């Protein structure tokens, strides 16, 4: 099995090799994306219309499509959530994250996610689409919860941006299918301290993050992850 360094080197070399081709095909790809996006909207609208008619005019709860994924590719379904790749290029373009480099800027944070007292796995390969040879500057390599932030320049990566790369809906009142209300809360704790405006929280080296949804006390407020030496 290739090491992390070898995997990154291979992806970087392949990305550089195809940059010229991508520049030449940029206009065509943009047109195709626009056409594909328009078609996707039409399909989603048609599905919603069919569901509404078949249910006597009622819409699906929380505005979800039947698959629990919204048009941006953000999952609004109950956990666990796999990495979402189908709309990842569009989400990355909208966020305008810097290009990836593990030499210039390279830091790590760790995150644990809980819903209704159950720990949800932060999956491996978030932001790494092997099929399309895509490596985002925010990504994971395993299920330890370690978030890798690697860029060509120092950059204020935000917690909400990681969830966008992952493909999971996160707002101040919603996590996936889980919504605040009726005694249920959505909180984020960093290094044992609660963060109020957590969607825009800028992650720092060796942050230990807890994202918890449920009744107060149903999830821990402290993450005790120990970073390996040199990481």
C-alpha atoms as a PDB file:
ATOM      1  CA  UNK A   1       0.000   0.000   0.000  1.00  0.00           C
ATOM      2  CA  UNK A   2       1.376   3.410  -0.957  1.00  0.00           C
ATOM      3  CA  UNK A   3       2.348   5.764   1.855  1.00  0.00           C
ATOM      4  CA  UNK A   4       0.602   9.100   2.323  1.00  0.00           C
ATOM      5  CA  UNK A   5       3.613  10.917   0.862  1.00  0.00           C
ATOM      6  CA  UNK A   6       3.689   8.636  -2.175  1.00  0.00           C
ATOM      7  CA  UNK A   7      -0.049   9.016  -2.689  1.00  0.00           C
ATOM      8  CA  UNK A   8       0.193  12.809  -2.529  1.00  0.00           C
ATOM      9  CA  UNK A   9       3.206  12.854  -4.856  1.00  0.00           C
ATOM     10  CA  UNK A  10       1.444  10.665  -7.399  1.00  0.00           C
ATOM     11  CA  UNK A  11      -1.723  12.757  -7.310  1.00  0.00           C
ATOM     12  CA  UNK A  12       0.270  15.979  -7.591  1.00  0.00           C
ATOM     13  CA  UNK A  13       2.289  14.733 -10.568  1.00  0.00           C
ATOM     14  CA  UNK A  14      -0.813  13.512 -12.354  1.00  0.00           C
ATOM     15  CA  UNK A  15      -2.583  16.794 -11.654  1.00  0.00           C
ATOM     16  CA  UNK A  16       0.316  18.824 -13.062  1.00  0.00           C
ATOM     17  CA  UNK A  17       0.508  16.581 -16.137  1.00  0.00           C
ATOM     18  CA  UNK A  18      -3.102  17.237 -17.038  1.00  0.00           C
ATOM     19  CA  UNK A  19      -3.166  20.982 -16.280  1.00  0.00           C
ATOM     20  CA  UNK A  20      -2.406  21.912 -19.895  1.00  0.00           C
ATOM     21  CA  UNK A  21      -5.171  19.676 -21.168  1.00  0.00           C
ATOM     22  CA  UNK A  22      -7.593  21.064 -18.593  1.00  0.00           C
ATOM     23  CA  UNK A  23      -6.831  24.658 -19.591  1.00  0.00           C
ATOM     24  CA  UNK A  24      -7.500  23.861 -23.241  1.00  0.00           C
ATOM     25  CA  UNK A  25     -10.739  22.090 -22.338  1.00  0.00           C
ATOM     26  CA  UNK A  26     -11.873  24.660 -19.756  1.00  0.00           C
ATOM     27  CA  UNK A  27     -14.433  26.353 -21.975  1.00  0.00           C
ATOM     28  CA  UNK A  28     -15.910  23.049 -23.101  1.00  0.00           C
ATOM     29  CA  UNK A  29     -15.991  21.683 -19.560  1.00  0.00           C
ATOM     30  CA  UNK A  30     -17.694  24.841 -18.310  1.00  0.00           C
ATOM     31  CA  UNK A  31     -20.403  24.478 -20.923  1.00  0.00           C
ATOM     32  CA  UNK A  32     -20.887  20.827 -20.039  1.00  0.00           C
ATOM     33  CA  UNK A  33     -21.126  21.633 -16.329  1.00  0.00           C
ATOM     34  CA  UNK A  34     -23.705  24.320 -17.022  1.00  0.00           C
ATOM     35  CA  UNK A  35     -25.709  21.948 -19.181  1.00  0.00           C
ATOM     36  CA  UNK A  36     -25.393  19.133 -16.644  1.00  0.00           C
ATOM     37  CA  UNK A  37     -26.380  21.399 -13.774  1.00  0.00           C
ATOM     38  CA  UNK A  38     -29.398  22.640 -15.683  1.00  0.00           C
ATOM     39  CA  UNK A  39     -30.426  19.087 -16.471  1.00  0.00           C
ATOM     40  CA  UNK A  40     -29.973  18.066 -12.844  1.00  0.00           C
ATOM     41  CA  UNK A  41     -32.212  20.915 -11.709  1.00  0.00           C
ATOM     42  CA  UNK A  42     -34.872  19.843 -14.196  1.00  0.00           C
ATOM     43  CA  UNK A  43     -34.669  16.237 -13.015  1.00  0.00           C
ATOM     44  CA  UNK A  44     -34.853  17.234  -9.351  1.00  0.00           C
ATOM     45  CA  UNK A  45     -37.812  19.508 -10.056  1.00  0.00           C
ATOM     46  CA  UNK A  46     -39.584  16.700 -11.888  1.00  0.00           C
ATOM     47  CA  UNK A  47     -38.984  14.273  -9.028  1.00  0.00           C
ATOM     48  CA  UNK A  48     -40.279  16.761  -6.470  1.00  0.00           C
ATOM     49  CA  UNK A  49     -43.351  17.374  -8.597  1.00  0.00           C
ATOM     50  CA  UNK A  50     -44.070  13.647  -8.858  1.00  0.00           C
ATOM     51  CA  UNK A  51     -43.637  13.185  -5.109  1.00  0.00           C
ATOM     52  CA  UNK A  52     -45.882  16.157  -4.399  1.00  0.00           C
ATOM     53  CA  UNK A  53     -48.613  14.847  -6.684  1.00  0.00           C
ATOM     54  CA  UNK A  54     -48.429  11.323  -5.322  1.00  0.00           C
ATOM     55  CA  UNK A  55     -48.648  12.572  -1.727  1.00  0.00           C
ATOM     56  CA  UNK A  56     -51.590  14.873  -2.285  1.00  0.00           C
ATOM     57  CA  UNK A  57     -49.489  18.014  -2.582  1.00  0.00           C
ATOM     58  CA  UNK A  58     -47.280  17.545   0.492  1.00  0.00           C
ATOM     59  CA  UNK A  59     -43.535  18.016   0.063  1.00  0.00           C
ATOM     60  CA  UNK A  60     -40.754  15.870   1.480  1.00  0.00           C
ATOM     61  CA  UNK A  61     -39.703  16.964   4.964  1.00  0.00           C
ATOM     62  CA  UNK A  62     -36.840  19.448   5.292  1.00  0.00           C
ATOM     63  CA  UNK A  63     -36.815  20.077   1.515  1.00  0.00           C
ATOM     64  CA  UNK A  64     -34.761  16.977   0.749  1.00  0.00           C
ATOM     65  CA  UNK A  65     -34.658  15.140  -2.521  1.00  0.00           C
ATOM     66  CA  UNK A  66     -35.669  11.457  -2.258  1.00  0.00           C
ATOM     67  CA  UNK A  67     -32.012  10.483  -1.838  1.00  0.00           C
ATOM     68  CA  UNK A  68     -31.408  12.950   1.008  1.00  0.00           C
ATOM     69  CA  UNK A  69     -28.873  14.929  -1.056  1.00  0.00           C
ATOM     70  CA  UNK A  70     -29.561  18.530  -2.033  1.00  0.00           C
ATOM     71  CA  UNK A  71     -28.637  20.057  -5.431  1.00  0.00           C
ATOM     72  CA  UNK A  72     -25.211  21.096  -4.101  1.00  0.00           C
ATOM     73  CA  UNK A  73     -24.441  17.485  -3.247  1.00  0.00           C
ATOM     74  CA  UNK A  74     -24.753  18.115   0.498  1.00  0.00           C
ATOM     75  CA  UNK A  75     -26.226  15.164   2.357  1.00  0.00           C
ATOM     76  CA  UNK A  76     -29.299  15.993   4.442  1.00  0.00           C
ATOM     77  CA  UNK A  77     -29.833  12.424   5.567  1.00  0.00           C
ATOM     78  CA  UNK A  78     -29.170  10.718   8.918  1.00  0.00           C
ATOM     79  CA  UNK A  79     -25.578   9.621   9.504  1.00  0.00           C
ATOM     80  CA  UNK A  80     -23.305   7.922   8.753  1.00  0.00           C
ATOM     81  CA  UNK A  81     -22.256  10.012   5.768  1.00  0.00           C
ATOM     82  CA  UNK A  82     -19.799   8.794   3.122  1.00  0.00           C
ATOM     83  CA  UNK A  83     -17.671  11.282   1.183  1.00  0.00           C
ATOM     84  CA  UNK A  84     -19.751  12.916  -1.568  1.00  0.00           C
ATOM     85  CA  UNK A  85     -17.908  13.281  -4.870  1.00  0.00           C
ATOM     86  CA  UNK A  86     -20.516  13.909  -7.579  1.00  0.00           C
ATOM     87  CA  UNK A  87     -20.729  17.667  -6.907  1.00  0.00           C
ATOM     88  CA  UNK A  88     -17.356  18.072  -5.207  1.00  0.00           C
ATOM     89  CA  UNK A  89     -15.727  20.014  -8.099  1.00  0.00           C
ATOM     90  CA  UNK A  90     -18.578  22.539  -8.076  1.00  0.00           C
ATOM     91  CA  UNK A  91     -18.416  22.963  -4.305  1.00  0.00           C
ATOM     92  CA  UNK A  92     -14.646  23.461  -4.403  1.00  0.00           C
ATOM     93  CA  UNK A  93     -14.976  26.030  -7.175  1.00  0.00           C
ATOM     94  CA  UNK A  94     -17.581  27.935  -5.164  1.00  0.00           C
ATOM     95  CA  UNK A  95     -15.390  27.959  -2.040  1.00  0.00           C
ATOM     96  CA  UNK A  96     -12.258  28.930  -3.999  1.00  0.00           C
ATOM     97  CA  UNK A  97      -9.960  26.992  -1.700  1.00  0.00           C
ATOM     98  CA  UNK A  98      -6.230  27.254  -2.459  1.00  0.00           C
ATOM     99  CA  UNK A  99      -4.403  24.559  -4.380  1.00  0.00           C
ATOM    100  CA  UNK A 100      -2.937  21.661  -2.441  1.00  0.00           C
ATOM    101  CA  UNK A 101       0.654  21.518  -1.217  1.00  0.00           C
ATOM    102  CA  UNK A 102       1.978  19.567   1.755  1.00  0.00           C
ATOM    103  CA  UNK A 103       5.228  21.566   1.767  1.00  0.00           C
ATOM    104  CA  UNK A 104       4.264  25.226   2.187  1.00  0.00           C
ATOM    105  CA  UNK A 105       1.285  25.032   4.578  1.00  0.00           C
ATOM    106  CA  UNK A 106       0.445  21.770   6.322  1.00  0.00           C
ATOM    107  CA  UNK A 107      -1.469  21.528   9.617  1.00  0.00           C
ATOM    108  CA  UNK A 108      -3.864  19.059  11.235  1.00  0.00           C
ATOM    109  CA  UNK A 109      -6.935  19.119  13.456  1.00  0.00           C
ATOM    110  CA  UNK A 110      -9.008  16.254  14.818  1.00  0.00           C
ATOM    111  CA  UNK A 111     -12.789  16.045  14.895  1.00  0.00           C
ATOM    112  CA  UNK A 112     -15.340  13.791  16.564  1.00  0.00           C
ATOM    113  CA  UNK A 113     -19.019  13.916  15.534  1.00  0.00           C
ATOM    114  CA  UNK A 114     -21.944  12.717  17.667  1.00  0.00           C
ATOM    115  CA  UNK A 115     -25.673  12.498  16.943  1.00  0.00           C
ATOM    116  CA  UNK A 116     -28.160  11.468  19.632  1.00  0.00           C
ATOM    117  CA  UNK A 117     -25.374   9.953  21.713  1.00  0.00           C
ATOM    118  CA  UNK A 118     -23.896   7.928  18.837  1.00  0.00           C
ATOM    119  CA  UNK A 119     -20.469   8.664  17.431  1.00  0.00           C
ATOM    120  CA  UNK A 120     -20.480   9.123  13.665  1.00  0.00           C
ATOM    121  CA  UNK A 121     -17.395   8.160  11.691  1.00  0.00           C
ATOM    122  CA  UNK A 122     -15.478  10.885   9.906  1.00  0.00           C
ATOM    123  CA  UNK A 123     -14.706   8.784   6.835  1.00  0.00           C
ATOM    124  CA  UNK A 124     -11.448   8.217   5.036  1.00  0.00           C
ATOM    125  CA  UNK A 125     -10.836   9.902   1.672  1.00  0.00           C
ATOM    126  CA  UNK A 126     -12.920  13.003   2.300  1.00  0.00           C
ATOM    127  CA  UNK A 127     -11.769  15.391  -0.429  1.00  0.00           C
ATOM    128  CA  UNK A 128      -9.827  12.653  -2.259  1.00  0.00           C
ATOM    129  CA  UNK A 129     -11.672  11.431  -5.341  1.00  0.00           C
ATOM    130  CA  UNK A 130      -9.461   8.676  -6.718  1.00  0.00           C
ATOM    131  CA  UNK A 131     -11.684   8.118  -9.756  1.00  0.00           C
ATOM    132  CA  UNK A 132     -11.245  11.673 -11.011  1.00  0.00           C
ATOM    133  CA  UNK A 133      -7.757  12.186  -9.502  1.00  0.00           C
ATOM    134  CA  UNK A 134      -8.947  15.061  -7.322  1.00  0.00           C
ATOM    135  CA  UNK A 135      -7.162  16.051  -4.111  1.00  0.00           C
ATOM    136  CA  UNK A 136      -8.707  18.929  -2.149  1.00  0.00           C
ATOM    137  CA  UNK A 137      -6.618  21.035   0.206  1.00  0.00           C
ATOM    138  CA  UNK A 138      -8.987  19.902   2.994  1.00  0.00           C
ATOM    139  CA  UNK A 139      -9.072  16.105   3.228  1.00  0.00           C
ATOM    140  CA  UNK A 140      -8.763  12.955   5.326  1.00  0.00           C
ATOM    141  CA  UNK A 141      -6.649   9.837   4.823  1.00  0.00           C
ATOM    142  CA  UNK A 142      -8.284   7.515   7.356  1.00  0.00           C
ATOM    143  CA  UNK A 143     -11.119   7.264   9.881  1.00  0.00           C
ATOM    144  CA  UNK A 144      -9.167   8.703  12.819  1.00  0.00           C
ATOM    145  CA  UNK A 145     -10.916  12.063  12.438  1.00  0.00           C
ATOM    146  CA  UNK A 146      -7.678  13.839  11.522  1.00  0.00           C
ATOM    147  CA  UNK A 147      -8.355  16.706   9.113  1.00  0.00           C
ATOM    148  CA  UNK A 148      -5.447  17.580   6.820  1.00  0.00           C
ATOM    149  CA  UNK A 149      -5.118  21.222   5.747  1.00  0.00           C
ATOM    150  CA  UNK A 150      -2.467  21.479   3.036  1.00  0.00           C
ATOM    151  CA  UNK A 151      -2.138  24.502   0.772  1.00  0.00           C
ATOM    152  CA  UNK A 152       0.242  26.526  -1.372  1.00  0.00           C
ATOM    153  CA  UNK A 153      -0.123  29.380   1.122  1.00  0.00           C
ATOM    154  CA  UNK A 154      -1.250  29.871   4.728  1.00  0.00           C
ATOM    155  CA  UNK A 155      -5.043  29.812   4.646  1.00  0.00           C
ATOM    156  CA  UNK A 156      -7.844  30.177   7.247  1.00  0.00           C
ATOM    157  CA  UNK A 157      -9.653  26.886   6.668  1.00  0.00           C
ATOM    158  CA  UNK A 158     -13.077  26.892   8.318  1.00  0.00           C
ATOM    159  CA  UNK A 159     -15.003  24.060   9.929  1.00  0.00           C
ATOM    160  CA  UNK A 160     -17.959  24.674   7.623  1.00  0.00           C
ATOM    161  CA  UNK A 161     -15.689  24.346   4.599  1.00  0.00           C
ATOM    162  CA  UNK A 162     -14.616  20.889   5.702  1.00  0.00           C
ATOM    163  CA  UNK A 163     -18.248  19.771   5.910  1.00  0.00           C
ATOM    164  CA  UNK A 164     -18.772  21.200   2.412  1.00  0.00           C
ATOM    165  CA  UNK A 165     -15.842  19.161   1.117  1.00  0.00           C
ATOM    166  CA  UNK A 166     -17.203  16.111   2.952  1.00  0.00           C
ATOM    167  CA  UNK A 167     -20.624  16.736   1.413  1.00  0.00           C
ATOM    168  CA  UNK A 168     -22.661  17.055   4.631  1.00  0.00           C
ATOM    169  CA  UNK A 169     -25.072  19.921   5.301  1.00  0.00           C
ATOM    170  CA  UNK A 170     -23.925  21.991   8.283  1.00  0.00           C
ATOM    171  CA  UNK A 171     -25.499  25.222   9.480  1.00  0.00           C
ATOM    172  CA  UNK A 172     -25.849  26.747  12.931  1.00  0.00           C
ATOM    173  CA  UNK A 173     -29.085  24.766  13.360  1.00  0.00           C
ATOM    174  CA  UNK A 174     -28.684  21.701  11.121  1.00  0.00           C
ATOM    175  CA  UNK A 175     -26.323  18.752  10.721  1.00  0.00           C
ATOM    176  CA  UNK A 176     -27.339  16.375   7.940  1.00  0.00           C
ATOM    177  CA  UNK A 177     -30.905  15.353   8.790  1.00  0.00           C
ATOM    178  CA  UNK A 178     -30.651  16.572  12.388  1.00  0.00           C
ATOM    179  CA  UNK A 179     -32.338  19.878  13.265  1.00  0.00           C
ATOM    180  CA  UNK A 180     -32.216  21.966  16.432  1.00  0.00           C
ATOM    181  CA  UNK A 181     -35.448  22.204  18.420  1.00  0.00           C
ATOM    182  CA  UNK A 182     -37.623  20.448  21.014  1.00  0.00           C
ATOM    183  CA  UNK A 183     -34.765  20.323  23.496  1.00  0.00           C
ATOM    184  CA  UNK A 184     -32.205  19.164  20.927  1.00  0.00           C
ATOM    185  CA  UNK A 185     -29.080  21.262  20.424  1.00  0.00           C
ATOM    186  CA  UNK A 186     -26.206  21.456  17.964  1.00  0.00           C
ATOM    187  CA  UNK A 187     -22.945  22.454  19.584  1.00  0.00           C
ATOM    188  CA  UNK A 188     -19.264  22.596  18.710  1.00  0.00           C
ATOM    189  CA  UNK A 189     -16.531  22.408  21.314  1.00  0.00           C
ATOM    190  CA  UNK A 190     -12.875  23.075  20.526  1.00  0.00           C
ATOM    191  CA  UNK A 191     -10.183  22.125  23.018  1.00  0.00           C
ATOM    192  CA  UNK A 192     -12.829  21.914  25.734  1.00  0.00           C
ATOM    193  CA  UNK A 193     -14.399  25.329  25.028  1.00  0.00           C
ATOM    194  CA  UNK A 194     -17.717  25.920  23.286  1.00  0.00           C
ATOM    195  CA  UNK A 195     -17.638  27.823  19.998  1.00  0.00           C
ATOM    196  CA  UNK A 196     -20.792  29.759  19.155  1.00  0.00           C
ATOM    197  CA  UNK A 197     -20.308  30.729  15.489  1.00  0.00           C
ATOM    198  CA  UNK A 198     -18.896  27.333  14.630  1.00  0.00           C
ATOM    199  CA  UNK A 199     -19.619  27.209  10.892  1.00  0.00           C
ATOM    200  CA  UNK A 200     -17.063  29.982  10.363  1.00  0.00           C
ATOM    201  CA  UNK A 201     -14.622  28.755  12.989  1.00  0.00           C
ATOM    202  CA  UNK A 202     -11.060  28.855  11.622  1.00  0.00           C
ATOM    203  CA  UNK A 203      -9.308  25.605  12.487  1.00  0.00           C
ATOM    204  CA  UNK A 204      -5.873  25.798  14.071  1.00  0.00           C
ATOM    205  CA  UNK A 205      -2.992  23.319  14.420  1.00  0.00           C
ATOM    206  CA  UNK A 206      -3.881  20.400  16.702  1.00  0.00           C
ATOM    207  CA  UNK A 207      -7.402  21.628  17.415  1.00  0.00           C
ATOM    208  CA  UNK A 208      -9.459  18.871  19.009  1.00  0.00           C
ATOM    209  CA  UNK A 209     -13.036  19.404  17.909  1.00  0.00           C
ATOM    210  CA  UNK A 210     -16.337  17.901  19.042  1.00  0.00           C
ATOM    211  CA  UNK A 211     -19.477  18.389  16.947  1.00  0.00           C
ATOM    212  CA  UNK A 212     -22.473  17.196  18.942  1.00  0.00           C
ATOM    213  CA  UNK A 213     -26.200  17.005  18.234  1.00  0.00           C
ATOM    214  CA  UNK A 214     -28.836  15.837  20.686  1.00  0.00           C
ATOM    215  CA  UNK A 215     -29.964  16.531  24.204  1.00  0.00           C
ATOM    216  CA  UNK A 216     -27.427  18.427  26.323  1.00  0.00           C
ATOM    217  CA  UNK A 217     -25.183  15.890  28.011  1.00  0.00           C
ATOM    218  CA  UNK A 218     -25.731  13.201  25.363  1.00  0.00           C
ATOM    219  CA  UNK A 219     -22.324  13.868  23.793  1.00  0.00           C
ATOM    220  CA  UNK A 220     -18.886  14.707  25.203  1.00  0.00           C
ATOM    221  CA  UNK A 221     -17.573  18.246  25.154  1.00  0.00           C
ATOM    222  CA  UNK A 222     -13.916  17.280  25.145  1.00  0.00           C
ATOM    223  CA  UNK A 223     -11.932  15.452  22.482  1.00  0.00           C
ATOM    224  CA  UNK A 224      -8.959  13.578  23.956  1.00  0.00           C
ATOM    225  CA  UNK A 225      -7.295  12.609  20.681  1.00  0.00           C
ATOM    226  CA  UNK A 226      -3.506  12.385  20.892  1.00  0.00           C
ATOM    227  CA  UNK A 227      -1.673  13.517  17.786  1.00  0.00           C
ATOM    228  CA  UNK A 228       1.259  11.311  16.780  1.00  0.00           C
ATOM    229  CA  UNK A 229       4.690  12.815  17.239  1.00  0.00           C
ATOM    230  CA  UNK A 230       5.603  15.036  14.320  1.00  0.00           C
ATOM    231  CA  UNK A 231       2.055  15.362  12.998  1.00  0.00           C
END
